[in-house]
Each structure stands twice: as structure tokens, then as C-alpha cells.
PDB file of N, CA and C in Angstrom:
ATOM      1  N   MET A   1    -106.304 -55.541   3.481  1.00  0.00           N
ATOM      2  CA  MET A   1    -105.124 -55.693   2.651  1.00  0.00           C
ATOM      3  C   MET A   1    -105.288 -54.812   1.404  1.00  0.00           C
ATOM      4  N   PHE A   2    -104.259 -54.042   1.089  1.00  0.00           N
ATOM      5  CA  PHE A   2    -104.291 -53.148  -0.063  1.00  0.00           C
ATOM      6  C   PHE A   2    -103.744 -53.843  -1.297  1.00  0.00           C
ATOM      7  N   PRO A   3    -104.309 -53.565  -2.468  1.00  0.00           N
ATOM      8  CA  PRO A   3    -103.756 -54.156  -3.693  1.00  0.00           C
ATOM      9  C   PRO A   3    -102.397 -53.531  -4.008  1.00  0.00           C
ATOM     10  N   ALA A   4    -101.535 -54.316  -4.626  1.00  0.00           N
ATOM     11  CA  ALA A   4    -100.208 -53.813  -5.016  1.00  0.00           C
ATOM     12  C   ALA A   4    -100.370 -52.753  -6.101  1.00  0.00           C
ATOM     13  N   PRO A   5     -99.587 -51.673  -6.013  1.00  0.00           N
ATOM     14  CA  PRO A   5     -99.689 -50.645  -7.062  1.00  0.00           C
ATOM     15  C   PRO A   5     -99.214 -51.199  -8.397  1.00  0.00           C
ATOM     16  N   GLN A   6     -99.844 -50.762  -9.454  1.00  0.00           N
ATOM     17  CA  GLN A   6     -99.486 -51.207 -10.798  1.00  0.00           C
ATOM     18  C   GLN A   6     -98.577 -50.178 -11.455  1.00  0.00           C
ATOM     19  N   THR A   7     -97.507 -50.639 -12.069  1.00  0.00           N
ATOM     20  CA  THR A   7     -96.567 -49.762 -12.750  1.00  0.00           C
ATOM     21  C   THR A   7     -96.356 -50.274 -14.157  1.00  0.00           C
ATOM     22  N   ASP A   8     -96.399 -49.386 -15.127  1.00  0.00           N
ATOM     23  CA  ASP A   8     -96.123 -49.753 -16.503  1.00  0.00           C
ATOM     24  C   ASP A   8     -94.616 -49.921 -16.654  1.00  0.00           C
ATOM     25  N   PRO A   9     -94.119 -51.123 -16.997  1.00  0.00           N
ATOM     26  CA  PRO A   9     -92.685 -51.352 -17.093  1.00  0.00           C
ATOM     27  C   PRO A   9     -91.977 -50.424 -18.077  1.00  0.00           C
ATOM     28  N   VAL A  10     -92.605 -50.131 -19.208  1.00  0.00           N
ATOM     29  CA  VAL A  10     -91.970 -49.281 -20.218  1.00  0.00           C
ATOM     30  C   VAL A  10     -91.774 -47.867 -19.686  1.00  0.00           C
ATOM     31  N   SER A  11     -92.798 -47.312 -19.054  1.00  0.00           N
ATOM     32  CA  SER A  11     -92.658 -45.946 -18.533  1.00  0.00           C
ATOM     33  C   SER A  11     -91.711 -45.906 -17.334  1.00  0.00           C
ATOM     34  N   PHE A  12     -91.732 -46.942 -16.491  1.00  0.00           N
ATOM     35  CA  PHE A  12     -90.813 -46.984 -15.346  1.00  0.00           C
ATOM     36  C   PHE A  12     -89.363 -47.032 -15.826  1.00  0.00           C
ATOM     37  N   ALA A  13     -89.071 -47.929 -16.770  1.00  0.00           N
ATOM     38  CA  ALA A  13     -87.704 -48.034 -17.300  1.00  0.00           C
ATOM     39  C   ALA A  13     -87.303 -46.726 -17.985  1.00  0.00           C
ATOM     40  N   GLY A  14     -88.213 -46.101 -18.708  1.00  0.00           N
ATOM     41  CA  GLY A  14     -87.922 -44.825 -19.361  1.00  0.00           C
ATOM     42  C   GLY A  14     -87.583 -43.737 -18.360  1.00  0.00           C
ATOM     43  N   THR A  15     -88.340 -43.684 -17.278  1.00  0.00           N
ATOM     44  CA  THR A  15     -88.072 -42.700 -16.229  1.00  0.00           C
ATOM     45  C   THR A  15     -86.713 -42.950 -15.594  1.00  0.00           C
ATOM     46  N   GLN A  16     -86.385 -44.221 -15.372  1.00  0.00           N
ATOM     47  CA  GLN A  16     -85.080 -44.546 -14.786  1.00  0.00           C
ATOM     48  C   GLN A  16     -83.942 -44.112 -15.717  1.00  0.00           C
ATOM     49  N   HIS A  17     -84.125 -44.306 -17.009  1.00  0.00           N
ATOM     50  CA  HIS A  17     -83.110 -43.867 -17.968  1.00  0.00           C
ATOM     51  C   HIS A  17     -82.962 -42.352 -17.947  1.00  0.00           C
ATOM     52  N   GLU A  18     -84.074 -41.638 -17.872  1.00  0.00           N
ATOM     53  CA  GLU A  18     -84.017 -40.172 -17.803  1.00  0.00           C
ATOM     54  C   GLU A  18     -83.264 -39.716 -16.551  1.00  0.00           C
ATOM     55  N   LEU A  19     -83.518 -40.378 -15.418  1.00  0.00           N
ATOM     56  CA  LEU A  19     -82.892 -39.984 -14.160  1.00  0.00           C
ATOM     57  C   LEU A  19     -81.401 -40.310 -14.095  1.00  0.00           C
ATOM     58  N   PHE A  20     -81.004 -41.476 -14.625  1.00  0.00           N
ATOM     59  CA  PHE A  20     -79.657 -41.981 -14.376  1.00  0.00           C
ATOM     60  C   PHE A  20     -78.686 -41.866 -15.546  1.00  0.00           C
ATOM     61  N   THR A  21     -79.147 -41.550 -16.733  1.00  0.00           N
ATOM     62  CA  THR A  21     -78.224 -41.412 -17.858  1.00  0.00           C
ATOM     63  C   THR A  21     -77.311 -40.218 -17.621  1.00  0.00           C
ATOM     64  N   GLY A  22     -76.012 -40.470 -17.682  1.00  0.00           N
ATOM     65  CA  GLY A  22     -75.024 -39.425 -17.460  1.00  0.00           C
ATOM     66  C   GLY A  22     -74.794 -39.083 -15.999  1.00  0.00           C
ATOM     67  N   MET A  23     -75.389 -39.847 -15.103  1.00  0.00           N
ATOM     68  CA  MET A  23     -75.278 -39.584 -13.667  1.00  0.00           C
ATOM     69  C   MET A  23     -74.588 -40.768 -12.981  1.00  0.00           C
ATOM     70  N   ASN A  24     -74.303 -40.605 -11.718  1.00  0.00           N
ATOM     71  CA  ASN A  24     -73.852 -41.684 -10.851  1.00  0.00           C
ATOM     72  C   ASN A  24     -74.983 -41.957  -9.873  1.00  0.00           C
ATOM     73  N   LEU A  25     -74.782 -42.908  -8.957  1.00  0.00           N
ATOM     74  CA  LEU A  25     -75.878 -43.217  -8.040  1.00  0.00           C
ATOM     75  C   LEU A  25     -75.389 -43.526  -6.643  1.00  0.00           C
ATOM     76  N   ARG A  26     -76.303 -43.319  -5.707  1.00  0.00           N
ATOM     77  CA  ARG A  26     -76.123 -43.726  -4.312  1.00  0.00           C
ATOM     78  C   ARG A  26     -77.210 -44.748  -4.000  1.00  0.00           C
ATOM     79  N   ILE A  27     -76.895 -45.651  -3.090  1.00  0.00           N
ATOM     80  CA  ILE A  27     -77.885 -46.625  -2.630  1.00  0.00           C
ATOM     81  C   ILE A  27     -78.376 -46.152  -1.270  1.00  0.00           C
ATOM     82  N   GLY A  28     -79.666 -45.865  -1.198  1.00  0.00           N
ATOM     83  CA  GLY A  28     -80.251 -45.425   0.068  1.00  0.00           C
ATOM     84  C   GLY A  28     -79.578 -44.187   0.609  1.00  0.00           C
ATOM     85  N   ARG A  29     -79.243 -44.216   1.905  1.00  0.00           N
ATOM     86  CA  ARG A  29     -78.629 -43.062   2.562  1.00  0.00           C
ATOM     87  C   ARG A  29     -77.108 -43.162   2.607  1.00  0.00           C
ATOM     88  N   SER A  30     -76.545 -44.118   1.897  1.00  0.00           N
ATOM     89  CA  SER A  30     -75.093 -44.294   1.889  1.00  0.00           C
ATOM     90  C   SER A  30     -74.397 -43.083   1.275  1.00  0.00           C
ATOM     91  N   ASP A  31     -73.210 -42.778   1.772  1.00  0.00           N
ATOM     92  CA  ASP A  31     -72.395 -41.705   1.205  1.00  0.00           C
ATOM     93  C   ASP A  31     -71.590 -42.182   0.002  1.00  0.00           C
ATOM     94  N   THR A  32     -71.513 -43.485  -0.208  1.00  0.00           N
ATOM     95  CA  THR A  32     -70.726 -44.038  -1.310  1.00  0.00           C
ATOM     96  C   THR A  32     -71.427 -43.767  -2.631  1.00  0.00           C
ATOM     97  N   VAL A  33     -70.670 -43.238  -3.591  1.00  0.00           N
ATOM     98  CA  VAL A  33     -71.212 -42.951  -4.927  1.00  0.00           C
ATOM     99  C   VAL A  33     -70.692 -44.014  -5.887  1.00  0.00           C
ATOM    100  N   HIS A  34     -71.607 -44.656  -6.595  1.00  0.00           N
ATOM    101  CA  HIS A  34     -71.284 -45.722  -7.539  1.00  0.00           C
ATOM    102  C   HIS A  34     -71.455 -45.228  -8.970  1.00  0.00           C
ATOM    103  N   GLY A  35     -70.731 -45.858  -9.891  1.00  0.00           N
ATOM    104  CA  GLY A  35     -70.979 -45.653 -11.303  1.00  0.00           C
ATOM    105  C   GLY A  35     -72.259 -46.371 -11.676  1.00  0.00           C
ATOM    106  N   VAL A  36     -72.839 -46.030 -12.817  1.00  0.00           N
ATOM    107  CA  VAL A  36     -74.095 -46.648 -13.263  1.00  0.00           C
ATOM    108  C   VAL A  36     -73.825 -47.618 -14.408  1.00  0.00           C
ATOM    109  N   ALA A  37     -74.361 -48.820 -14.269  1.00  0.00           N
ATOM    110  CA  ALA A  37     -74.400 -49.805 -15.350  1.00  0.00           C
ATOM    111  C   ALA A  37     -75.885 -50.120 -15.571  1.00  0.00           C
ATOM    112  N   TRP A  38     -76.193 -50.721 -16.698  1.00  0.00           N
ATOM    113  CA  TRP A  38     -77.591 -51.036 -17.009  1.00  0.00           C
ATOM    114  C   TRP A  38     -77.758 -52.537 -17.035  1.00  0.00           C
ATOM    115  N   ARG A  39     -78.726 -53.035 -16.262  1.00  0.00           N
ATOM    116  CA  ARG A  39     -78.967 -54.477 -16.196  1.00  0.00           C
ATOM    117  C   ARG A  39     -80.265 -54.829 -16.902  1.00  0.00           C
ATOM    118  N   PRO A  40     -80.301 -56.000 -17.529  1.00  0.00           N
ATOM    119  CA  PRO A  40     -81.532 -56.443 -18.192  1.00  0.00           C
ATOM    120  C   PRO A  40     -82.660 -56.598 -17.171  1.00  0.00           C
ATOM    121  N   TRP A  41     -83.847 -56.269 -17.605  1.00  0.00           N
ATOM    122  CA  TRP A  41     -85.004 -56.388 -16.721  1.00  0.00           C
ATOM    123  C   TRP A  41     -86.098 -57.181 -17.416  1.00  0.00           C
ATOM    124  N   ILE A  42     -87.076 -56.542 -18.023  1.00  0.00           N
ATOM    125  CA  ILE A  42     -88.204 -57.214 -18.672  1.00  0.00           C
ATOM    126  C   ILE A  42     -88.204 -56.860 -20.154  1.00  0.00           C
ATOM    127  N   ASN A  43     -88.356 -57.867 -21.014  1.00  0.00           N
ATOM    128  CA  ASN A  43     -88.509 -57.639 -22.457  1.00  0.00           C
ATOM    129  C   ASN A  43     -87.519 -56.626 -23.027  1.00  0.00           C
ATOM    130  N   GLU A  44     -86.248 -56.830 -22.779  1.00  0.00           N
ATOM    131  CA  GLU A  44     -85.176 -55.978 -23.293  1.00  0.00           C
ATOM    132  C   GLU A  44     -85.130 -54.589 -22.663  1.00  0.00           C
ATOM    133  N   LEU A  45     -85.949 -54.322 -21.657  1.00  0.00           N
ATOM    134  CA  LEU A  45     -85.848 -53.076 -20.903  1.00  0.00           C
ATOM    135  C   LEU A  45     -84.674 -53.217 -19.939  1.00  0.00           C
ATOM    136  N   THR A  46     -84.080 -52.092 -19.566  1.00  0.00           N
ATOM    137  CA  THR A  46     -82.967 -52.132 -18.630  1.00  0.00           C
ATOM    138  C   THR A  46     -83.202 -51.146 -17.493  1.00  0.00           C
ATOM    139  N   LEU A  47     -82.570 -51.450 -16.356  1.00  0.00           N
ATOM    140  CA  LEU A  47     -82.641 -50.588 -15.178  1.00  0.00           C
ATOM    141  C   LEU A  47     -81.227 -50.294 -14.687  1.00  0.00           C
ATOM    142  N   PRO A  48     -81.030 -49.164 -13.991  1.00  0.00           N
ATOM    143  CA  PRO A  48     -79.708 -48.825 -13.482  1.00  0.00           C
ATOM    144  C   PRO A  48     -79.301 -49.730 -12.324  1.00  0.00           C
ATOM    145  N   THR A  49     -78.018 -49.964 -12.236  1.00  0.00           N
ATOM    146  CA  THR A  49     -77.440 -50.748 -11.153  1.00  0.00           C
ATOM    147  C   THR A  49     -76.024 -50.235 -10.914  1.00  0.00           C
ATOM    148  N   PRO A  50     -75.470 -50.407  -9.736  1.00  0.00           N
ATOM    149  CA  PRO A  50     -74.090 -49.992  -9.527  1.00  0.00           C
ATOM    150  C   PRO A  50     -73.146 -50.780 -10.444  1.00  0.00           C
ATOM    151  N   SER A  51     -72.154 -50.115 -10.993  1.00  0.00           N
ATOM    152  CA  SER A  51     -71.191 -50.775 -11.884  1.00  0.00           C
ATOM    153  C   SER A  51     -70.504 -51.949 -11.205  1.00  0.00           C
ATOM    154  N   CYS A  52     -70.308 -51.852  -9.889  1.00  0.00           N
ATOM    155  CA  CYS A  52     -69.606 -52.896  -9.136  1.00  0.00           C
ATOM    156  C   CYS A  52     -70.516 -54.053  -8.744  1.00  0.00           C
ATOM    157  N   HIS A  53     -71.802 -53.953  -9.065  1.00  0.00           N
ATOM    158  CA  HIS A  53     -72.818 -54.969  -8.731  1.00  0.00           C
ATOM    159  C   HIS A  53     -73.112 -55.043  -7.242  1.00  0.00           C
ATOM    160  N   GLN A  54     -72.861 -53.958  -6.510  1.00  0.00           N
ATOM    161  CA  GLN A  54     -73.234 -53.907  -5.091  1.00  0.00           C
ATOM    162  C   GLN A  54     -74.731 -54.198  -4.988  1.00  0.00           C
ATOM    163  N   GLY A  55     -75.099 -55.056  -4.077  1.00  0.00           N
ATOM    164  CA  GLY A  55     -76.494 -55.444  -3.943  1.00  0.00           C
ATOM    165  C   GLY A  55     -77.315 -54.471  -3.123  1.00  0.00           C
ATOM    166  N   TRP A  56     -78.617 -54.502  -3.333  1.00  0.00           N
ATOM    167  CA  TRP A  56     -79.589 -53.756  -2.537  1.00  0.00           C
ATOM    168  C   TRP A  56     -80.920 -54.435  -2.771  1.00  0.00           C
ATOM    169  N   SER A  57     -81.908 -54.081  -2.006  1.00  0.00           N
ATOM    170  CA  SER A  57     -83.221 -54.693  -2.120  1.00  0.00           C
ATOM    171  C   SER A  57     -84.143 -53.798  -2.930  1.00  0.00           C
ATOM    172  N   GLY A  58     -84.785 -54.344  -3.942  1.00  0.00           N
ATOM    173  CA  GLY A  58     -85.765 -53.597  -4.726  1.00  0.00           C
ATOM    174  C   GLY A  58     -85.311 -53.330  -6.146  1.00  0.00           C
ATOM    175  N   LEU A  59     -86.123 -52.576  -6.873  1.00  0.00           N
ATOM    176  CA  LEU A  59     -85.841 -52.209  -8.256  1.00  0.00           C
ATOM    177  C   LEU A  59     -85.491 -50.729  -8.397  1.00  0.00           C
ATOM    178  N   GLY A  60     -85.569 -50.004  -7.322  1.00  0.00           N
ATOM    179  CA  GLY A  60     -85.367 -48.575  -7.374  1.00  0.00           C
ATOM    180  C   GLY A  60     -86.677 -47.812  -7.391  1.00  0.00           C
ATOM    181  N   ALA A  61     -87.791 -48.518  -7.434  1.00  0.00           N
ATOM    182  CA  ALA A  61     -89.096 -47.865  -7.526  1.00  0.00           C
ATOM    183  C   ALA A  61     -89.475 -47.124  -6.250  1.00  0.00           C
ATOM    184  N   ALA A  62     -88.902 -47.517  -5.126  1.00  0.00           N
ATOM    185  CA  ALA A  62     -89.230 -46.872  -3.850  1.00  0.00           C
ATOM    186  C   ALA A  62     -88.152 -45.881  -3.420  1.00  0.00           C
ATOM    187  N   GLY A  63     -87.305 -45.490  -4.372  1.00  0.00           N
ATOM    188  CA  GLY A  63     -86.278 -44.506  -4.061  1.00  0.00           C
ATOM    189  C   GLY A  63     -85.012 -45.083  -3.472  1.00  0.00           C
ATOM    190  N   GLU A  64     -84.802 -46.403  -3.599  1.00  0.00           N
ATOM    191  CA  GLU A  64     -83.592 -47.018  -3.060  1.00  0.00           C
ATOM    192  C   GLU A  64     -82.336 -46.507  -3.759  1.00  0.00           C
ATOM    193  N   LEU A  65     -82.474 -46.148  -5.033  1.00  0.00           N
ATOM    194  CA  LEU A  65     -81.351 -45.609  -5.797  1.00  0.00           C
ATOM    195  C   LEU A  65     -81.575 -44.120  -6.014  1.00  0.00           C
ATOM    196  N   VAL A  66     -80.522 -43.347  -5.788  1.00  0.00           N
ATOM    197  CA  VAL A  66     -80.614 -41.900  -5.908  1.00  0.00           C
ATOM    198  C   VAL A  66     -79.588 -41.433  -6.934  1.00  0.00           C
ATOM    199  N   ALA A  67     -80.040 -40.739  -7.972  1.00  0.00           N
ATOM    200  CA  ALA A  67     -79.134 -40.204  -8.988  1.00  0.00           C
ATOM    201  C   ALA A  67     -78.365 -39.025  -8.402  1.00  0.00           C
ATOM    202  N   THR A  68     -77.071 -38.938  -8.748  1.00  0.00           N
ATOM    203  CA  THR A  68     -76.245 -37.840  -8.269  1.00  0.00           C
ATOM    204  C   THR A  68     -75.186 -37.506  -9.315  1.00  0.00           C
ATOM    205  N   ASP A  69     -74.768 -36.247  -9.328  1.00  0.00           N
ATOM    206  CA  ASP A  69     -73.681 -35.862 -10.219  1.00  0.00           C
ATOM    207  C   ASP A  69     -72.354 -35.814  -9.460  1.00  0.00           C
ATOM    208  N   ALA A  70     -72.356 -36.295  -8.212  1.00  0.00           N
ATOM    209  CA  ALA A  70     -71.127 -36.375  -7.424  1.00  0.00           C
ATOM    210  C   ALA A  70     -70.175 -37.392  -8.050  1.00  0.00           C
ATOM    211  N   SER A  71     -68.893 -37.215  -7.820  1.00  0.00           N
ATOM    212  CA  SER A  71     -67.880 -38.126  -8.366  1.00  0.00           C
ATOM    213  C   SER A  71     -67.972 -39.503  -7.715  1.00  0.00           C
ATOM    214  N   VAL A  72     -67.630 -40.527  -8.485  1.00  0.00           N
ATOM    215  CA  VAL A  72     -67.644 -41.904  -7.998  1.00  0.00           C
ATOM    216  C   VAL A  72     -66.608 -42.062  -6.883  1.00  0.00           C
ATOM    217  N   THR A  73     -67.037 -42.599  -5.742  1.00  0.00           N
ATOM    218  CA  THR A  73     -66.129 -42.843  -4.620  1.00  0.00           C
ATOM    219  C   THR A  73     -65.931 -44.325  -4.339  1.00  0.00           C
ATOM    220  N   CYS A  74     -66.777 -45.190  -4.873  1.00  0.00           N
ATOM    221  CA  CYS A  74     -66.636 -46.641  -4.689  1.00  0.00           C
ATOM    222  C   CYS A  74     -65.346 -47.083  -5.375  1.00  0.00           C
ATOM    223  N   ARG A  75     -64.441 -47.701  -4.623  1.00  0.00           N
ATOM    224  CA  ARG A  75     -63.156 -48.098  -5.189  1.00  0.00           C
ATOM    225  C   ARG A  75     -63.312 -49.118  -6.312  1.00  0.00           C
ATOM    226  N   LYS A  76     -64.228 -50.060  -6.145  1.00  0.00           N
ATOM    227  CA  LYS A  76     -64.429 -51.073  -7.182  1.00  0.00           C
ATOM    228  C   LYS A  76     -65.008 -50.445  -8.447  1.00  0.00           C
ATOM    229  N   CYS A  77     -65.987 -49.556  -8.311  1.00  0.00           N
ATOM    230  CA  CYS A  77     -66.554 -48.856  -9.481  1.00  0.00           C
ATOM    231  C   CYS A  77     -65.478 -48.027 -10.175  1.00  0.00           C
ATOM    232  N   ARG A  78     -64.644 -47.335  -9.390  1.00  0.00           N
ATOM    233  CA  ARG A  78     -63.584 -46.504  -9.978  1.00  0.00           C
ATOM    234  C   ARG A  78     -62.634 -47.363 -10.814  1.00  0.00           C
ATOM    235  N   ARG A  79     -62.304 -48.547 -10.310  1.00  0.00           N
ATOM    236  CA  ARG A  79     -61.417 -49.453 -11.046  1.00  0.00           C
ATOM    237  C   ARG A  79     -62.107 -49.956 -12.314  1.00  0.00           C
ATOM    238  N   ILE A  80     -63.370 -50.353 -12.203  1.00  0.00           N
ATOM    239  CA  ILE A  80     -64.125 -50.865 -13.355  1.00  0.00           C
ATOM    240  C   ILE A  80     -64.260 -49.800 -14.438  1.00  0.00           C
ATOM    241  N   LEU A  81     -64.500 -48.564 -14.021  1.00  0.00           N
ATOM    242  CA  LEU A  81     -64.700 -47.460 -14.967  1.00  0.00           C
ATOM    243  C   LEU A  81     -63.384 -46.870 -15.469  1.00  0.00           C
ATOM    244  N   GLY A  82     -62.256 -47.384 -14.984  1.00  0.00           N
ATOM    245  CA  GLY A  82     -60.952 -46.887 -15.425  1.00  0.00           C
ATOM    246  C   GLY A  82     -60.600 -45.528 -14.854  1.00  0.00           C
ATOM    247  N   LEU A  83     -61.171 -45.180 -13.700  1.00  0.00           N
ATOM    248  CA  LEU A  83     -60.903 -43.888 -13.089  1.00  0.00           C
ATOM    249  C   LEU A  83     -59.644 -43.900 -12.222  1.00  0.00           C
ATOM    250  N   ASP A  84     -59.121 -45.075 -11.906  1.00  0.00           N
ATOM    251  CA  ASP A  84     -57.882 -45.216 -11.147  1.00  0.00           C
ATOM    252  C   ASP A  84     -56.912 -46.070 -11.956  1.00  0.00           C
ATOM    253  N   PRO A  85     -56.396 -45.563 -13.085  1.00  0.00           N
ATOM    254  CA  PRO A  85     -55.557 -46.391 -13.957  1.00  0.00           C
ATOM    255  C   PRO A  85     -54.268 -46.857 -13.298  1.00  0.00           C
ATOM    256  N   GLY A  86     -53.771 -46.153 -12.295  1.00  0.00           N
ATOM    257  CA  GLY A  86     -52.540 -46.562 -11.629  1.00  0.00           C
ATOM    258  C   GLY A  86     -52.726 -47.689 -10.641  1.00  0.00           C
ATOM    259  N   ARG A  87     -53.957 -48.013 -10.320  1.00  0.00           N
ATOM    260  CA  ARG A  87     -54.234 -49.041  -9.315  1.00  0.00           C
ATOM    261  C   ARG A  87     -54.691 -50.316  -9.993  1.00  0.00           C
ATOM    262  N   GLN A  88     -53.767 -51.063 -10.534  1.00  0.00           N
ATOM    263  CA  GLN A  88     -54.081 -52.322 -11.199  1.00  0.00           C
ATOM    264  C   GLN A  88     -53.753 -53.479 -10.261  1.00  0.00           C
ATOM    265  N   GLN A  89     -54.393 -54.607 -10.474  1.00  0.00           N
ATOM    266  CA  GLN A  89     -54.100 -55.782  -9.668  1.00  0.00           C
ATOM    267  C   GLN A  89     -52.682 -56.248  -9.967  1.00  0.00           C
ATOM    268  N   ILE A  90     -51.948 -56.629  -8.933  1.00  0.00           N
ATOM    269  CA  ILE A  90     -50.589 -57.128  -9.090  1.00  0.00           C
ATOM    270  C   ILE A  90     -50.660 -58.525  -9.686  1.00  0.00           C
ATOM    271  N   PRO A  91     -49.843 -58.821 -10.738  1.00  0.00           N
ATOM    272  CA  PRO A  91     -49.901 -60.163 -11.317  1.00  0.00           C
ATOM    273  C   PRO A  91     -49.407 -61.211 -10.317  1.00  0.00           C
ATOM    274  N   LEU A  92     -50.019 -62.397 -10.394  1.00  0.00           N
ATOM    275  CA  LEU A  92     -49.612 -63.489  -9.520  1.00  0.00           C
ATOM    276  C   LEU A  92     -48.293 -64.107  -9.970  1.00  0.00           C
ATOM    277  N   PHE A  93     -48.069 -64.133 -11.286  1.00  0.00           N
ATOM    278  CA  PHE A  93     -46.862 -64.737 -11.847  1.00  0.00           C
ATOM    279  C   PHE A  93     -46.264 -63.792 -12.860  1.00  0.00           C
ATOM    280  N   ASP A  94     -44.941 -63.773 -12.933  1.00  0.00           N
ATOM    281  CA  ASP A  94     -44.251 -62.956 -13.935  1.00  0.00           C
ATOM    282  C   ASP A  94     -44.026 -63.829 -15.159  1.00  0.00           C
ATOM    283  N   LEU A  95     -44.911 -63.707 -16.143  1.00  0.00           N
ATOM    284  CA  LEU A  95     -44.840 -64.546 -17.352  1.00  0.00           C
ATOM    285  C   LEU A  95     -44.086 -63.821 -18.448  1.00  0.00           C
ATOM    286  N   PRO A  96     -43.346 -64.586 -19.277  1.00  0.00           N
ATOM    287  CA  PRO A  96     -42.609 -63.963 -20.388  1.00  0.00           C
ATOM    288  C   PRO A  96     -43.543 -63.400 -21.440  1.00  0.00           C
TER     289      PRO A  96
END
């Protein structure tokens, strides 16, 4: 049995910020491009996550998240980021 690799949380979070700041992301081999949001991790450190909160397994340390400068294609991320302003949810009730 091999010991688990040790990673310094501060340097890992810093590297993730360098990779994903100003970028979008893909999860694994998916063609879908998500916007980037930052989620709390350890001691006020943050890690990148899809803006739409799409789930995946891991922290990104094994390459599960891939930084890209491609345009966001996830419909939910586009709505959250205000990239589709004409596509708003229809109101359930017409209130005065």
C-alpha cells in the first residue's frame, strides 16, 4: 500500500487561482464549458467550481477540472453569469 501524496493547501489553492482566474472550465472530457465560481475550502482558501454547481468527483488535483478560454456553453452558467439576458424565467403570476 502506498502512502497518500501530501499537498500543501496554500500552494494548491494558489495554483488553482493562477490557472482559473479569468478563465472558464471544463469537467473531465466534457465539451460543456462552465463559468468559474470560487467555493470555500480550508481556512478561507477557495477552489474553482462551475458557476452552476455541476457536480464532479474530487478537488481538481487530478486534472478533473480543465481551464479554458473557450466561451461558456452551459445554459445554466450563461444565465447565472448574465450572458443570456433575453432568456429569463417566465413569472408564475402577473402581480401588480
